Amino acid sequence: MDQHIKTKSKPESLPEGLTLRALRAADAEPFHAMQQLPVVVNGNPHPPFQSFASTREYIEKLEPSEIVIAATIGDTLVGEAELTPSKGRRSHAGSLGICVHDAWHRRGIGNALMTELLDVADNWLGLRRVELHVFADNHTALALYRKFGFEVEARQRGAVLRGGVLIDCFFMARLREAAPFMSTPSTAAQLSLSTPNIAAE
């Protein structure tokens, strides 16, 4: 089901008609085209000129546990974000990735995607730790992540080859407390409600 965004951003900072929904198989072509854009390529660790078949396969083989959100305006795909929960003893954690179409930067789309993705992580999956990788020179992304409470935990020197240069990556994470239990009446109050009054003879 499509979902019009509800974020903490000021309405005037967001493009009119911005909708967030699950990524679909039918999005393969525009998603592939977005992945080949210069700024997107510059900001991710994948080599350029990835095949369309690999993009389609990625969408078709998404695990049920993976949350992948498409940001659209009308029929135009303007951004995408993904959240992958970990398993086993790391089931309290997850990793995320995000990209915005080159032509739609500084329009609040990244903020909207992060808001929605972290709402899912916090309030629906109960994740206490969310992790990500980002190039050390991607200052726009760094500012966005810090805004949402992510902190640098490590610097990976020369982690990715980009344009003939080995680029450093930051490993960032955001931690939060466990979700609270619903508020309930005190035990004494519950007992008083459940115990019938017995009149003294």
N, C-alpha and C. Protein backbone atom coordinates (compact mmCIF):
# COMPACT_ATOMS: atom_id res chain seq x y z
N MET A 1 0.85 -1.19 0.00
CA MET A 1 0.00 0.00 0.00
C MET A 1 0.89 1.24 0.00
N ASP A 2 0.58 2.18 -0.89
CA ASP A 2 1.34 3.41 -0.93
C ASP A 2 1.08 4.22 0.33
N GLN A 3 2.08 4.99 0.71
CA GLN A 3 1.96 5.76 1.94
C GLN A 3 2.50 7.16 1.72
N HIS A 4 1.65 8.15 1.88
CA HIS A 4 2.13 9.52 1.83
C HIS A 4 2.89 9.78 3.12
N ILE A 5 4.02 10.42 3.00
CA ILE A 5 4.93 10.52 4.13
C ILE A 5 4.36 11.36 5.27
N LYS A 6 4.76 10.96 6.46
CA LYS A 6 4.50 11.73 7.67
C LYS A 6 5.84 11.88 8.35
N THR A 7 6.44 13.04 8.25
CA THR A 7 7.77 13.24 8.81
C THR A 7 7.78 14.47 9.70
N LYS A 8 8.92 14.64 10.38
CA LYS A 8 9.10 15.80 11.24
C LYS A 8 9.57 17.02 10.44
N SER A 9 9.79 16.82 9.14
CA SER A 9 10.24 17.93 8.31
C SER A 9 9.11 18.93 8.12
N LYS A 10 9.50 20.18 7.87
CA LYS A 10 8.50 21.18 7.56
C LYS A 10 7.90 20.85 6.20
N PRO A 11 6.57 20.92 6.07
CA PRO A 11 5.93 20.54 4.81
C PRO A 11 6.50 21.27 3.61
N GLU A 12 6.86 22.56 3.78
CA GLU A 12 7.33 23.32 2.64
C GLU A 12 8.70 22.87 2.16
N SER A 13 9.41 22.05 2.96
CA SER A 13 10.74 21.59 2.57
C SER A 13 10.69 20.33 1.72
N LEU A 14 9.50 19.77 1.52
CA LEU A 14 9.35 18.52 0.78
C LEU A 14 8.63 18.77 -0.54
N PRO A 15 9.05 18.06 -1.60
CA PRO A 15 8.36 18.20 -2.88
C PRO A 15 6.91 17.75 -2.77
N GLU A 16 6.04 18.46 -3.44
CA GLU A 16 4.62 18.10 -3.42
C GLU A 16 4.42 16.73 -4.06
N GLY A 17 3.60 15.91 -3.43
CA GLY A 17 3.28 14.61 -4.00
C GLY A 17 4.27 13.51 -3.69
N LEU A 18 5.23 13.78 -2.81
CA LEU A 18 6.20 12.75 -2.46
C LEU A 18 5.52 11.60 -1.73
N THR A 19 5.72 10.40 -2.22
CA THR A 19 5.12 9.19 -1.65
C THR A 19 6.20 8.17 -1.35
N LEU A 20 6.08 7.52 -0.21
CA LEU A 20 6.98 6.42 0.15
C LEU A 20 6.19 5.13 0.11
N ARG A 21 6.75 4.12 -0.52
CA ARG A 21 6.10 2.82 -0.64
C ARG A 21 7.17 1.75 -0.77
N ALA A 22 6.75 0.50 -0.72
CA ALA A 22 7.69 -0.60 -0.91
C ALA A 22 8.20 -0.62 -2.36
N LEU A 23 9.49 -0.94 -2.51
CA LEU A 23 10.06 -1.11 -3.85
C LEU A 23 9.39 -2.31 -4.52
N ARG A 24 9.08 -2.16 -5.81
CA ARG A 24 8.37 -3.21 -6.55
C ARG A 24 9.25 -3.76 -7.68
N ALA A 25 8.89 -4.93 -8.16
CA ALA A 25 9.61 -5.50 -9.30
C ALA A 25 9.52 -4.57 -10.51
N ALA A 26 8.39 -3.87 -10.64
CA ALA A 26 8.20 -2.95 -11.76
C ALA A 26 9.12 -1.74 -11.69
N ASP A 27 9.76 -1.53 -10.53
CA ASP A 27 10.69 -0.40 -10.37
C ASP A 27 12.09 -0.72 -10.89
N ALA A 28 12.31 -1.93 -11.38
CA ALA A 28 13.66 -2.36 -11.73
C ALA A 28 14.33 -1.41 -12.73
N GLU A 29 13.61 -1.00 -13.77
CA GLU A 29 14.23 -0.15 -14.79
C GLU A 29 14.60 1.23 -14.26
N PRO A 30 13.67 1.98 -13.63
CA PRO A 30 14.07 3.29 -13.10
C PRO A 30 15.08 3.18 -11.95
N PHE A 31 15.00 2.12 -11.16
CA PHE A 31 15.96 1.93 -10.09
C PHE A 31 17.35 1.69 -10.67
N HIS A 32 17.43 0.89 -11.72
CA HIS A 32 18.71 0.64 -12.38
C HIS A 32 19.28 1.93 -12.96
N ALA A 33 18.42 2.72 -13.61
CA ALA A 33 18.88 3.99 -14.19
C ALA A 33 19.41 4.93 -13.11
N MET A 34 18.73 4.98 -11.96
CA MET A 34 19.18 5.84 -10.87
C MET A 34 20.54 5.39 -10.34
N GLN A 35 20.77 4.08 -10.29
CA GLN A 35 22.03 3.55 -9.78
C GLN A 35 23.21 3.89 -10.68
N GLN A 36 22.95 4.27 -11.93
CA GLN A 36 24.03 4.59 -12.86
C GLN A 36 24.35 6.09 -12.91
N LEU A 37 23.60 6.91 -12.18
CA LEU A 37 23.83 8.36 -12.21
C LEU A 37 25.16 8.71 -11.54
N PRO A 38 25.85 9.75 -12.02
CA PRO A 38 27.20 10.07 -11.54
C PRO A 38 27.31 10.25 -10.03
N VAL A 39 26.41 11.02 -9.43
CA VAL A 39 26.51 11.28 -7.99
C VAL A 39 26.22 10.01 -7.20
N VAL A 40 25.25 9.23 -7.65
CA VAL A 40 24.93 7.97 -6.98
C VAL A 40 26.12 7.02 -7.06
N VAL A 41 26.71 6.87 -8.24
CA VAL A 41 27.89 6.01 -8.41
C VAL A 41 29.03 6.48 -7.53
N ASN A 42 29.21 7.80 -7.45
CA ASN A 42 30.30 8.37 -6.66
C ASN A 42 30.14 8.09 -5.17
N GLY A 43 28.89 7.84 -4.74
CA GLY A 43 28.64 7.68 -3.31
C GLY A 43 28.43 6.27 -2.84
N ASN A 44 28.52 5.29 -3.76
CA ASN A 44 28.35 3.90 -3.30
C ASN A 44 29.55 3.05 -3.72
N PRO A 45 29.72 1.88 -3.11
CA PRO A 45 30.91 1.07 -3.36
C PRO A 45 30.85 0.19 -4.60
N HIS A 46 29.75 0.25 -5.35
CA HIS A 46 29.60 -0.63 -6.51
C HIS A 46 30.26 -0.02 -7.75
N PRO A 47 30.84 -0.83 -8.61
CA PRO A 47 31.43 -0.30 -9.84
C PRO A 47 30.35 0.21 -10.78
N PRO A 48 30.68 1.15 -11.68
CA PRO A 48 29.69 1.64 -12.63
C PRO A 48 29.35 0.57 -13.67
N PHE A 49 28.30 0.86 -14.43
CA PHE A 49 27.86 -0.01 -15.53
C PHE A 49 27.45 -1.41 -15.06
N GLN A 50 26.79 -1.45 -13.91
CA GLN A 50 26.21 -2.71 -13.46
C GLN A 50 25.11 -3.13 -14.45
N SER A 51 24.94 -4.41 -14.65
CA SER A 51 23.95 -4.88 -15.62
C SER A 51 22.53 -4.74 -15.08
N PHE A 52 21.60 -4.56 -16.01
CA PHE A 52 20.20 -4.49 -15.62
C PHE A 52 19.75 -5.81 -14.99
N ALA A 53 20.29 -6.92 -15.49
CA ALA A 53 19.92 -8.23 -14.95
C ALA A 53 20.28 -8.33 -13.48
N SER A 54 21.42 -7.76 -13.08
CA SER A 54 21.82 -7.82 -11.67
C SER A 54 20.90 -6.97 -10.80
N THR A 55 20.44 -5.84 -11.34
CA THR A 55 19.50 -4.99 -10.59
C THR A 55 18.17 -5.70 -10.41
N ARG A 56 17.67 -6.28 -11.47
CA ARG A 56 16.40 -7.01 -11.40
C ARG A 56 16.50 -8.19 -10.44
N GLU A 57 17.62 -8.89 -10.49
CA GLU A 57 17.82 -10.03 -9.59
C GLU A 57 17.85 -9.59 -8.13
N TYR A 58 18.48 -8.43 -7.88
CA TYR A 58 18.53 -7.90 -6.51
C TYR A 58 17.11 -7.70 -5.96
N ILE A 59 16.24 -7.09 -6.76
CA ILE A 59 14.87 -6.83 -6.31
C ILE A 59 14.11 -8.14 -6.13
N GLU A 60 14.25 -9.04 -7.08
CA GLU A 60 13.50 -10.30 -7.03
C GLU A 60 13.92 -11.19 -5.87
N LYS A 61 15.17 -11.06 -5.42
CA LYS A 61 15.68 -11.94 -4.37
C LYS A 61 15.75 -11.29 -3.00
N LEU A 62 15.06 -10.17 -2.84
CA LEU A 62 15.01 -9.54 -1.52
C LEU A 62 14.39 -10.49 -0.50
N GLU A 63 14.99 -10.56 0.67
CA GLU A 63 14.45 -11.39 1.74
C GLU A 63 13.19 -10.74 2.31
N PRO A 64 12.25 -11.54 2.80
CA PRO A 64 11.04 -10.97 3.41
C PRO A 64 11.35 -10.02 4.56
N SER A 65 12.47 -10.25 5.25
CA SER A 65 12.82 -9.40 6.40
C SER A 65 13.40 -8.06 5.99
N GLU A 66 13.80 -7.91 4.73
CA GLU A 66 14.41 -6.66 4.28
C GLU A 66 13.33 -5.62 3.97
N ILE A 67 13.54 -4.42 4.47
CA ILE A 67 12.63 -3.30 4.21
C ILE A 67 13.28 -2.41 3.16
N VAL A 68 12.65 -2.29 2.00
CA VAL A 68 13.19 -1.43 0.94
C VAL A 68 12.10 -0.45 0.53
N ILE A 69 12.39 0.83 0.72
CA ILE A 69 11.41 1.89 0.49
C ILE A 69 11.77 2.66 -0.77
N ALA A 70 10.80 2.86 -1.64
CA ALA A 70 10.97 3.70 -2.82
C ALA A 70 10.31 5.05 -2.56
N ALA A 71 11.00 6.11 -2.93
CA ALA A 71 10.44 7.47 -2.87
C ALA A 71 10.05 7.87 -4.28
N THR A 72 8.80 8.21 -4.49
CA THR A 72 8.33 8.57 -5.82
C THR A 72 7.59 9.90 -5.80
N ILE A 73 7.65 10.57 -6.92
CA ILE A 73 6.82 11.75 -7.17
C ILE A 73 6.12 11.48 -8.49
N GLY A 74 4.83 11.23 -8.42
CA GLY A 74 4.14 10.75 -9.60
C GLY A 74 4.69 9.39 -9.97
N ASP A 75 5.12 9.26 -11.22
CA ASP A 75 5.70 8.00 -11.69
C ASP A 75 7.22 8.02 -11.66
N THR A 76 7.81 9.05 -11.07
CA THR A 76 9.27 9.19 -11.07
C THR A 76 9.87 8.67 -9.77
N LEU A 77 10.81 7.76 -9.89
CA LEU A 77 11.55 7.26 -8.72
C LEU A 77 12.64 8.27 -8.39
N VAL A 78 12.56 8.85 -7.19
CA VAL A 78 13.51 9.91 -6.82
C VAL A 78 14.44 9.51 -5.68
N GLY A 79 14.23 8.34 -5.10
CA GLY A 79 15.11 7.89 -4.03
C GLY A 79 14.75 6.49 -3.58
N GLU A 80 15.66 5.90 -2.81
CA GLU A 80 15.45 4.54 -2.31
C GLU A 80 16.25 4.36 -1.04
N ALA A 81 15.70 3.59 -0.12
CA ALA A 81 16.40 3.30 1.14
C ALA A 81 16.09 1.88 1.55
N GLU A 82 17.07 1.24 2.18
CA GLU A 82 16.89 -0.16 2.57
C GLU A 82 17.38 -0.39 3.98
N LEU A 83 16.69 -1.27 4.68
CA LEU A 83 17.04 -1.66 6.04
C LEU A 83 17.08 -3.18 6.09
N THR A 84 18.24 -3.71 6.50
CA THR A 84 18.43 -5.16 6.56
C THR A 84 18.68 -5.58 8.00
N PRO A 85 17.70 -6.20 8.66
CA PRO A 85 17.91 -6.68 10.02
C PRO A 85 18.93 -7.81 10.05
N SER A 86 19.72 -7.84 11.10
CA SER A 86 20.69 -8.93 11.28
C SER A 86 20.00 -10.14 11.91
N LYS A 87 20.75 -11.24 12.03
CA LYS A 87 20.16 -12.48 12.53
C LYS A 87 20.92 -13.00 13.75
N GLY A 88 20.31 -13.97 14.39
CA GLY A 88 20.96 -14.64 15.52
C GLY A 88 21.27 -13.70 16.66
N ARG A 89 22.50 -13.75 17.15
CA ARG A 89 22.89 -12.94 18.30
C ARG A 89 23.01 -11.46 17.96
N ARG A 90 22.84 -11.12 16.68
CA ARG A 90 22.84 -9.71 16.28
C ARG A 90 21.44 -9.28 15.81
N SER A 91 20.44 -10.01 16.25
CA SER A 91 19.08 -9.69 15.81
C SER A 91 18.57 -8.37 16.37
N HIS A 92 19.30 -7.78 17.30
CA HIS A 92 18.93 -6.46 17.82
C HIS A 92 19.45 -5.34 16.92
N ALA A 93 20.19 -5.71 15.86
CA ALA A 93 20.85 -4.72 15.00
C ALA A 93 20.38 -4.85 13.56
N GLY A 94 20.69 -3.82 12.78
CA GLY A 94 20.38 -3.83 11.36
C GLY A 94 21.28 -2.84 10.65
N SER A 95 21.36 -2.96 9.34
CA SER A 95 22.16 -2.02 8.54
C SER A 95 21.28 -1.34 7.52
N LEU A 96 21.65 -0.12 7.16
CA LEU A 96 20.83 0.62 6.20
C LEU A 96 21.69 1.23 5.10
N GLY A 97 21.03 1.51 4.00
CA GLY A 97 21.63 2.22 2.88
C GLY A 97 20.59 3.13 2.28
N ILE A 98 21.04 4.20 1.64
CA ILE A 98 20.09 5.18 1.10
C ILE A 98 20.71 5.85 -0.12
N CYS A 99 19.89 6.14 -1.11
CA CYS A 99 20.38 6.94 -2.24
C CYS A 99 19.24 7.83 -2.74
N VAL A 100 19.63 8.98 -3.26
CA VAL A 100 18.68 9.95 -3.80
C VAL A 100 19.09 10.27 -5.23
N HIS A 101 18.12 10.36 -6.11
CA HIS A 101 18.35 10.69 -7.52
C HIS A 101 19.15 11.98 -7.63
N ASP A 102 20.10 12.01 -8.56
CA ASP A 102 20.98 13.18 -8.73
C ASP A 102 20.20 14.49 -8.87
N ALA A 103 19.07 14.44 -9.56
CA ALA A 103 18.31 15.66 -9.84
C ALA A 103 17.43 16.10 -8.67
N TRP A 104 17.41 15.32 -7.58
CA TRP A 104 16.50 15.61 -6.48
C TRP A 104 17.21 15.80 -5.14
N HIS A 105 18.47 16.17 -5.20
CA HIS A 105 19.19 16.42 -3.96
C HIS A 105 18.73 17.73 -3.31
N ARG A 106 18.91 17.82 -2.00
CA ARG A 106 18.59 19.02 -1.21
C ARG A 106 17.12 19.41 -1.33
N ARG A 107 16.27 18.39 -1.40
CA ARG A 107 14.83 18.63 -1.48
C ARG A 107 14.09 17.96 -0.32
N GLY A 108 14.82 17.43 0.64
CA GLY A 108 14.19 16.79 1.79
C GLY A 108 13.89 15.32 1.61
N ILE A 109 14.28 14.74 0.47
CA ILE A 109 13.95 13.34 0.21
C ILE A 109 14.76 12.41 1.09
N GLY A 110 16.06 12.68 1.23
CA GLY A 110 16.89 11.86 2.12
C GLY A 110 16.38 11.91 3.55
N ASN A 111 15.98 13.08 4.00
CA ASN A 111 15.43 13.24 5.35
C ASN A 111 14.14 12.42 5.52
N ALA A 112 13.28 12.46 4.51
CA ALA A 112 12.02 11.72 4.57
C ALA A 112 12.28 10.21 4.61
N LEU A 113 13.20 9.74 3.79
CA LEU A 113 13.52 8.31 3.77
C LEU A 113 14.12 7.86 5.10
N MET A 114 15.03 8.65 5.65
CA MET A 114 15.64 8.29 6.93
C MET A 114 14.60 8.27 8.04
N THR A 115 13.72 9.26 8.05
CA THR A 115 12.67 9.32 9.07
C THR A 115 11.81 8.07 9.04
N GLU A 116 11.39 7.67 7.84
CA GLU A 116 10.51 6.51 7.71
C GLU A 116 11.24 5.22 8.04
N LEU A 117 12.48 5.09 7.56
CA LEU A 117 13.24 3.87 7.79
C LEU A 117 13.53 3.66 9.27
N LEU A 118 13.90 4.73 9.96
CA LEU A 118 14.20 4.62 11.38
C LEU A 118 12.94 4.43 12.22
N ASP A 119 11.81 4.93 11.73
CA ASP A 119 10.54 4.64 12.41
C ASP A 119 10.25 3.14 12.37
N VAL A 120 10.51 2.52 11.22
CA VAL A 120 10.33 1.07 11.11
C VAL A 120 11.30 0.35 12.05
N ALA A 121 12.57 0.78 12.04
CA ALA A 121 13.58 0.15 12.89
C ALA A 121 13.23 0.25 14.36
N ASP A 122 12.78 1.43 14.79
CA ASP A 122 12.52 1.68 16.21
C ASP A 122 11.19 1.10 16.67
N ASN A 123 10.14 1.36 15.92
CA ASN A 123 8.78 1.13 16.41
C ASN A 123 8.10 -0.12 15.88
N TRP A 124 8.72 -0.77 14.89
CA TRP A 124 8.11 -1.98 14.34
C TRP A 124 9.03 -3.20 14.43
N LEU A 125 10.33 -2.97 14.35
CA LEU A 125 11.28 -4.08 14.47
C LEU A 125 11.99 -4.11 15.81
N GLY A 126 11.93 -3.01 16.55
CA GLY A 126 12.56 -2.95 17.87
C GLY A 126 14.07 -3.04 17.83
N LEU A 127 14.68 -2.55 16.75
CA LEU A 127 16.14 -2.60 16.65
C LEU A 127 16.77 -1.59 17.61
N ARG A 128 17.82 -2.01 18.27
CA ARG A 128 18.51 -1.13 19.22
C ARG A 128 19.80 -0.57 18.63
N ARG A 129 20.21 -1.10 17.51
CA ARG A 129 21.44 -0.63 16.86
C ARG A 129 21.23 -0.66 15.35
N VAL A 130 21.50 0.47 14.70
CA VAL A 130 21.43 0.56 13.24
C VAL A 130 22.79 1.05 12.75
N GLU A 131 23.33 0.38 11.75
CA GLU A 131 24.68 0.65 11.26
C GLU A 131 24.66 1.07 9.80
N LEU A 132 25.73 1.72 9.37
CA LEU A 132 25.88 2.08 7.96
C LEU A 132 27.34 2.36 7.65
N HIS A 133 27.67 2.35 6.35
CA HIS A 133 28.98 2.76 5.86
C HIS A 133 28.78 3.98 4.97
N VAL A 134 29.73 4.90 5.01
CA VAL A 134 29.66 6.10 4.18
C VAL A 134 31.07 6.55 3.85
N PHE A 135 31.27 7.03 2.62
CA PHE A 135 32.59 7.54 2.24
C PHE A 135 32.93 8.76 3.10
N ALA A 136 34.18 8.86 3.49
CA ALA A 136 34.61 9.93 4.39
C ALA A 136 34.47 11.31 3.77
N ASP A 137 34.42 11.40 2.44
CA ASP A 137 34.30 12.71 1.79
C ASP A 137 32.87 13.03 1.36
N ASN A 138 31.91 12.20 1.77
CA ASN A 138 30.50 12.45 1.44
C ASN A 138 29.89 13.29 2.56
N HIS A 139 30.20 14.57 2.53
CA HIS A 139 29.84 15.46 3.64
C HIS A 139 28.33 15.65 3.77
N THR A 140 27.62 15.65 2.65
CA THR A 140 26.16 15.80 2.72
C THR A 140 25.53 14.62 3.45
N ALA A 141 25.96 13.41 3.10
CA ALA A 141 25.42 12.22 3.77
C ALA A 141 25.82 12.19 5.24
N LEU A 142 27.06 12.57 5.53
CA LEU A 142 27.51 12.59 6.92
C LEU A 142 26.65 13.52 7.77
N ALA A 143 26.33 14.68 7.22
CA ALA A 143 25.50 15.64 7.95
C ALA A 143 24.11 15.06 8.20
N LEU A 144 23.55 14.37 7.20
CA LEU A 144 22.23 13.77 7.35
C LEU A 144 22.25 12.70 8.43
N TYR A 145 23.25 11.84 8.39
CA TYR A 145 23.31 10.75 9.37
C TYR A 145 23.53 11.27 10.78
N ARG A 146 24.37 12.27 10.93
CA ARG A 146 24.59 12.84 12.27
C ARG A 146 23.31 13.48 12.80
N LYS A 147 22.55 14.07 11.90
CA LYS A 147 21.28 14.68 12.30
C LYS A 147 20.35 13.66 12.94
N PHE A 148 20.45 12.42 12.49
CA PHE A 148 19.59 11.35 13.02
C PHE A 148 20.26 10.55 14.12
N GLY A 149 21.35 11.06 14.66
CA GLY A 149 21.96 10.44 15.83
C GLY A 149 23.04 9.41 15.56
N PHE A 150 23.48 9.28 14.32
CA PHE A 150 24.56 8.35 14.01
C PHE A 150 25.91 8.95 14.40
N GLU A 151 26.78 8.11 14.92
CA GLU A 151 28.12 8.53 15.31
C GLU A 151 29.16 7.64 14.63
N VAL A 152 30.31 8.24 14.32
CA VAL A 152 31.40 7.47 13.71
C VAL A 152 32.03 6.56 14.76
N GLU A 153 32.10 5.28 14.45
CA GLU A 153 32.73 4.31 15.35
C GLU A 153 34.10 3.86 14.85
N ALA A 154 34.32 3.97 13.54
CA ALA A 154 35.61 3.54 13.00
C ALA A 154 35.84 4.20 11.65
N ARG A 155 37.12 4.35 11.30
CA ARG A 155 37.51 4.84 9.97
C ARG A 155 38.26 3.71 9.28
N GLN A 156 37.75 3.30 8.13
CA GLN A 156 38.37 2.24 7.36
C GLN A 156 39.21 2.89 6.26
N ARG A 157 40.51 2.86 6.42
CA ARG A 157 41.40 3.58 5.52
C ARG A 157 41.54 2.84 4.19
N GLY A 158 41.42 3.60 3.10
CA GLY A 158 41.56 3.02 1.77
C GLY A 158 40.62 1.86 1.52
N ALA A 159 39.38 1.98 1.97
CA ALA A 159 38.45 0.85 1.94
C ALA A 159 37.92 0.53 0.55
N VAL A 160 37.72 1.56 -0.29
CA VAL A 160 37.07 1.36 -1.59
C VAL A 160 37.84 2.11 -2.67
N LEU A 161 38.06 1.44 -3.79
CA LEU A 161 38.69 2.09 -4.94
C LEU A 161 37.64 2.85 -5.73
N ARG A 162 37.86 4.14 -5.94
CA ARG A 162 36.91 4.98 -6.68
C ARG A 162 37.69 5.90 -7.60
N GLY A 163 37.52 5.73 -8.89
CA GLY A 163 38.20 6.59 -9.84
C GLY A 163 39.72 6.56 -9.72
N GLY A 164 40.27 5.41 -9.38
CA GLY A 164 41.71 5.28 -9.27
C GLY A 164 42.29 5.72 -7.95
N VAL A 165 41.44 6.09 -6.99
CA VAL A 165 41.90 6.55 -5.67
C VAL A 165 41.25 5.68 -4.59
N LEU A 166 42.03 5.27 -3.61
CA LEU A 166 41.49 4.50 -2.49
C LEU A 166 40.85 5.45 -1.48
N ILE A 167 39.56 5.28 -1.26
CA ILE A 167 38.77 6.19 -0.45
C ILE A 167 38.53 5.60 0.94
N ASP A 168 38.66 6.44 1.96
CA ASP A 168 38.34 6.02 3.33
C ASP A 168 36.83 5.93 3.50
N CYS A 169 36.40 5.02 4.36
CA CYS A 169 34.99 4.90 4.73
C CYS A 169 34.84 5.07 6.23
N PHE A 170 33.73 5.68 6.63
CA PHE A 170 33.35 5.72 8.04
C PHE A 170 32.34 4.62 8.30
N PHE A 171 32.51 3.95 9.43
CA PHE A 171 31.51 3.00 9.93
C PHE A 171 30.77 3.74 11.03
N MET A 172 29.46 3.95 10.83
CA MET A 172 28.66 4.72 11.76
C MET A 172 27.55 3.85 12.35
N ALA A 173 27.11 4.23 13.53
CA ALA A 173 26.02 3.50 14.17
C ALA A 173 25.18 4.43 15.02
N ARG A 174 23.94 4.03 15.22
CA ARG A 174 22.99 4.76 16.07
C ARG A 174 22.43 3.75 17.07
N LEU A 175 22.55 4.07 18.36
CA LEU A 175 22.07 3.18 19.41
C LEU A 175 20.86 3.79 20.10
N ARG A 176 19.98 2.94 20.59
CA ARG A 176 18.83 3.43 21.33
C ARG A 176 18.46 2.42 22.40
N GLU A 177 17.69 2.89 23.38
CA GLU A 177 17.24 2.02 24.45
C GLU A 177 16.17 1.05 23.92
N ALA A 178 15.95 -0.01 24.66
CA ALA A 178 14.90 -0.96 24.29
C ALA A 178 13.54 -0.27 24.34
N ALA A 179 12.63 -0.74 23.52
CA ALA A 179 11.27 -0.17 23.50
C ALA A 179 10.61 -0.38 24.86
N PRO A 180 9.85 0.60 25.33
CA PRO A 180 9.19 0.47 26.63
C PRO A 180 8.00 -0.48 26.56
N PHE A 181 7.64 -1.05 27.71
CA PHE A 181 6.42 -1.83 27.80
C PHE A 181 5.23 -0.88 27.87
N MET A 182 4.08 -1.35 27.45
CA MET A 182 2.88 -0.53 27.56
C MET A 182 2.60 -0.26 29.04
N SER A 183 2.05 0.90 29.31
CA SER A 183 1.73 1.23 30.69
C SER A 183 0.50 0.45 31.12
N THR A 184 0.56 -0.12 32.32
CA THR A 184 -0.55 -0.90 32.86
C THR A 184 -0.82 -0.46 34.28
N PRO A 185 -2.01 -0.71 34.80
CA PRO A 185 -2.29 -0.38 36.20
C PRO A 185 -1.32 -1.12 37.12
N SER A 186 -1.05 -0.55 38.26
CA SER A 186 -0.16 -1.20 39.22
C SER A 186 -0.75 -2.52 39.68
N THR A 187 0.11 -3.38 40.22
CA THR A 187 -0.36 -4.69 40.71
C THR A 187 -1.44 -4.53 41.77
N ALA A 188 -1.22 -3.57 42.68
CA ALA A 188 -2.21 -3.34 43.74
C ALA A 188 -3.55 -2.93 43.15
N ALA A 189 -3.49 -2.06 42.14
CA ALA A 189 -4.73 -1.60 41.52
C ALA A 189 -5.43 -2.75 40.81
N GLN A 190 -4.63 -3.62 40.14
CA GLN A 190 -5.22 -4.76 39.47
C GLN A 190 -5.89 -5.70 40.46
N LEU A 191 -5.24 -5.92 41.62
CA LEU A 191 -5.81 -6.81 42.63
C LEU A 191 -7.12 -6.25 43.18
N SER A 192 -7.13 -4.93 43.38
CA SER A 192 -8.34 -4.32 43.93
C SER A 192 -9.49 -4.40 42.95
N LEU A 193 -9.14 -4.38 41.64
CA LEU A 193 -10.19 -4.46 40.64
C LEU A 193 -10.71 -5.89 40.48
N SER A 194 -9.80 -6.87 40.68
CA SER A 194 -10.18 -8.26 40.43
C SER A 194 -10.73 -8.96 41.67
N THR A 195 -10.53 -8.39 42.88
CA THR A 195 -10.99 -9.04 44.10
C THR A 195 -12.38 -8.53 44.47
N PRO A 196 -13.36 -9.41 44.57
CA PRO A 196 -14.73 -8.94 44.90
C PRO A 196 -14.80 -8.48 46.35
N ASN A 197 -15.66 -7.51 46.58
CA ASN A 197 -15.87 -7.06 47.95
C ASN A 197 -16.75 -8.07 48.69
N ILE A 198 -16.28 -8.51 49.85
CA ILE A 198 -17.04 -9.47 50.66
C ILE A 198 -17.49 -8.77 51.93
N ALA A 199 -18.77 -8.62 52.06
CA ALA A 199 -19.30 -7.91 53.24
C ALA A 199 -19.10 -8.76 54.49
N ALA A 200 -18.70 -8.11 55.56
CA ALA A 200 -18.52 -8.82 56.84
C ALA A 200 -19.87 -9.23 57.40
N GLU A 201 -19.91 -10.44 57.93
CA GLU A 201 -21.18 -10.91 58.51
C GLU A 201 -21.37 -10.32 59.89
